[in-house]
Amino acid sequence: MLGLGNIIGPIGSLASTWLQGRVDKAKAETDIKVAKAQAEAEVYRTSATSEMLNEQALTAQMAGSWKDEFWTLIFGAILVASFLPWSQPFVKEGFIFLEQSTPNWFSTCLYICIGSSFGYRFGKTGLQLMNNKK
């Protein structure tokens, strides 16, 4: 005659094996999620590092540049001339001429030149924004 222990032993072993399989499967799924999250974090770290190095290189290139000083002097001269009575008519006529005679493509190029000399980045979005203002 079979004893109760002889029946429960194999059933318990089978249940234990089944539970261990479930635990192993859950652990494997968790490991996959962790690996995916770590890979995404590494992509973000690499992207941020690349962007930072690019910004540093661009800043280093601008160190010897005179473009921002040039545009600052131009705008400063226009501002000063706006307050000097003998130059106000010239400033006024100049702005009227530019408003009436400057083609859109030239204005856009000027915006890009001036903006980039002060460190602004222009891409498709920047050009679209400038075109929408017209």
Protein backbone atom coordinates (compact mmCIF):
# COMPACT_ATOMS: atom_id res chain seq x y z
CA MET A 1 0.00 0.00 0.00
CA LEU A 2 1.18 3.48 -0.89
CA GLY A 3 1.64 5.84 1.93
CA LEU A 4 0.42 9.41 1.96
CA GLY A 5 4.05 10.60 2.04
CA ASN A 6 4.74 8.67 -1.16
CA ILE A 7 1.97 10.60 -2.96
CA ILE A 8 2.59 14.06 -1.48
CA GLY A 9 6.36 13.96 -2.11
CA PRO A 10 6.15 13.90 -5.93
CA ILE A 11 3.23 16.40 -5.97
CA GLY A 12 5.19 18.75 -3.71
CA SER A 13 8.25 18.36 -5.90
CA LEU A 14 6.16 19.09 -9.00
CA ALA A 15 4.60 22.17 -7.36
CA SER A 16 8.01 23.37 -6.20
CA THR A 17 9.43 22.99 -9.72
CA TRP A 18 6.43 24.86 -11.18
CA LEU A 19 6.81 27.71 -8.66
CA GLN A 20 10.55 27.92 -9.28
CA GLY A 21 9.84 28.18 -13.04
CA ARG A 22 7.43 31.06 -12.41
CA VAL A 23 9.98 32.83 -10.21
CA ASP A 24 12.72 32.33 -12.82
CA LYS A 25 10.43 33.63 -15.58
CA ALA A 26 9.50 36.72 -13.55
CA LYS A 27 13.18 37.34 -12.75
CA ALA A 28 14.10 37.03 -16.43
CA GLU A 29 11.35 39.50 -17.41
CA THR A 30 12.57 41.93 -14.76
CA ASP A 31 16.17 41.53 -15.96
CA ILE A 32 15.03 42.36 -19.51
CA LYS A 33 13.20 45.49 -18.33
CA VAL A 34 16.24 46.59 -16.32
CA ALA A 35 18.55 45.99 -19.29
CA LYS A 36 16.25 48.03 -21.57
CA ALA A 37 16.11 50.89 -19.06
CA GLN A 38 19.91 50.83 -18.67
CA ALA A 39 20.36 50.87 -22.47
CA GLU A 40 17.99 53.85 -22.81
CA ALA A 41 19.82 55.67 -20.02
CA GLU A 42 23.13 55.05 -21.77
CA VAL A 43 21.72 56.44 -25.03
CA TYR A 44 20.62 59.60 -23.19
CA ARG A 45 24.01 59.90 -21.45
CA THR A 46 25.85 59.50 -24.75
CA SER A 47 23.59 62.01 -26.47
CA ALA A 48 23.97 64.56 -23.67
CA THR A 49 27.75 64.11 -23.62
CA SER A 50 27.93 64.52 -27.39
CA GLU A 51 25.78 67.65 -27.27
CA MET A 52 27.89 69.11 -24.47
CA LEU A 53 31.15 68.43 -26.35
CA ASN A 54 29.67 69.99 -29.48
CA GLU A 55 28.65 73.11 -27.54
CA GLN A 56 32.14 73.33 -26.02
CA ALA A 57 33.74 73.05 -29.47
CA LEU A 58 31.46 75.75 -30.87
CA THR A 59 32.18 78.02 -27.92
CA ALA A 60 35.92 77.47 -28.35
CA GLN A 61 35.63 78.36 -32.05
CA MET A 62 33.83 81.60 -31.19
CA ALA A 63 36.55 82.63 -28.74
CA GLY A 64 38.55 84.41 -31.43
CA SER A 65 35.54 85.57 -33.40
CA TRP A 66 34.70 89.23 -33.87
CA LYS A 67 31.17 88.71 -35.25
CA ASP A 68 29.29 89.41 -32.04
CA GLU A 69 31.40 92.52 -31.38
CA PHE A 70 30.73 93.70 -34.94
CA TRP A 71 26.95 93.40 -34.59
CA THR A 72 27.04 94.94 -31.12
CA LEU A 73 28.87 97.95 -32.56
CA ILE A 74 26.40 98.23 -35.45
CA PHE A 75 23.35 98.14 -33.18
CA GLY A 76 25.03 100.44 -30.68
CA ALA A 77 25.80 102.97 -33.43
CA ILE A 78 22.20 102.86 -34.67
CA LEU A 79 20.94 103.35 -31.13
CA VAL A 80 23.24 106.30 -30.49
CA ALA A 81 22.40 107.82 -33.89
CA SER A 82 18.69 107.60 -33.00
CA PHE A 83 19.26 110.06 -30.14
CA LEU A 84 21.45 112.54 -32.00
CA PRO A 85 19.30 115.21 -33.67
CA TRP A 86 21.58 115.62 -36.72
CA SER A 87 21.54 111.85 -37.47
CA GLN A 88 17.88 111.06 -36.70
CA PRO A 89 16.66 111.79 -40.26
CA PHE A 90 19.27 109.37 -41.66
CA VAL A 91 18.27 106.63 -39.22
CA LYS A 92 14.58 107.16 -40.00
CA GLU A 93 15.14 107.11 -43.77
CA GLY A 94 17.34 104.05 -43.44
CA PHE A 95 14.66 102.10 -41.59
CA ILE A 96 11.98 103.19 -44.04
CA PHE A 97 14.19 102.12 -46.94
CA LEU A 98 14.94 98.73 -45.35
CA GLU A 99 11.27 98.10 -44.57
CA GLN A 100 10.13 98.92 -48.10
CA SER A 101 13.05 97.58 -50.12
CA THR A 102 14.55 94.58 -48.36
CA PRO A 103 13.54 91.19 -49.83
CA ASN A 104 12.37 88.52 -47.37
CA TRP A 105 15.28 86.20 -48.18
CA PHE A 106 17.77 88.94 -47.28
CA SER A 107 16.00 89.68 -44.00
CA THR A 108 16.03 85.97 -43.13
CA CYS A 109 19.75 85.72 -43.93
CA LEU A 110 20.43 88.79 -41.80
CA TYR A 111 18.46 87.31 -38.87
CA ILE A 112 20.45 84.09 -39.15
CA CYS A 113 23.82 85.90 -39.35
CA ILE A 114 23.09 88.13 -36.39
CA GLY A 115 21.48 85.40 -34.32
CA SER A 116 24.26 82.89 -34.94
CA SER A 117 26.93 85.43 -34.03
CA PHE A 118 25.27 85.69 -30.60
CA GLY A 119 25.07 81.91 -30.22
CA TYR A 120 21.52 81.15 -31.30
CA ARG A 121 20.93 77.89 -33.18
CA PHE A 122 18.84 77.89 -36.31
CA GLY A 123 17.38 74.87 -38.02
CA LYS A 124 14.17 74.09 -39.81
CA THR A 125 12.12 75.16 -36.79
CA GLY A 126 13.91 78.51 -36.50
CA LEU A 127 13.45 79.26 -40.18
CA GLN A 128 9.77 78.30 -40.00
CA LEU A 129 9.25 80.61 -37.02
CA MET A 130 10.91 83.50 -38.81
CA ASN A 131 8.89 82.85 -41.98
CA ASN A 132 5.64 82.75 -39.96
CA LYS A 133 6.36 86.23 -38.53
CA LYS A 134 6.22 87.78 -41.99
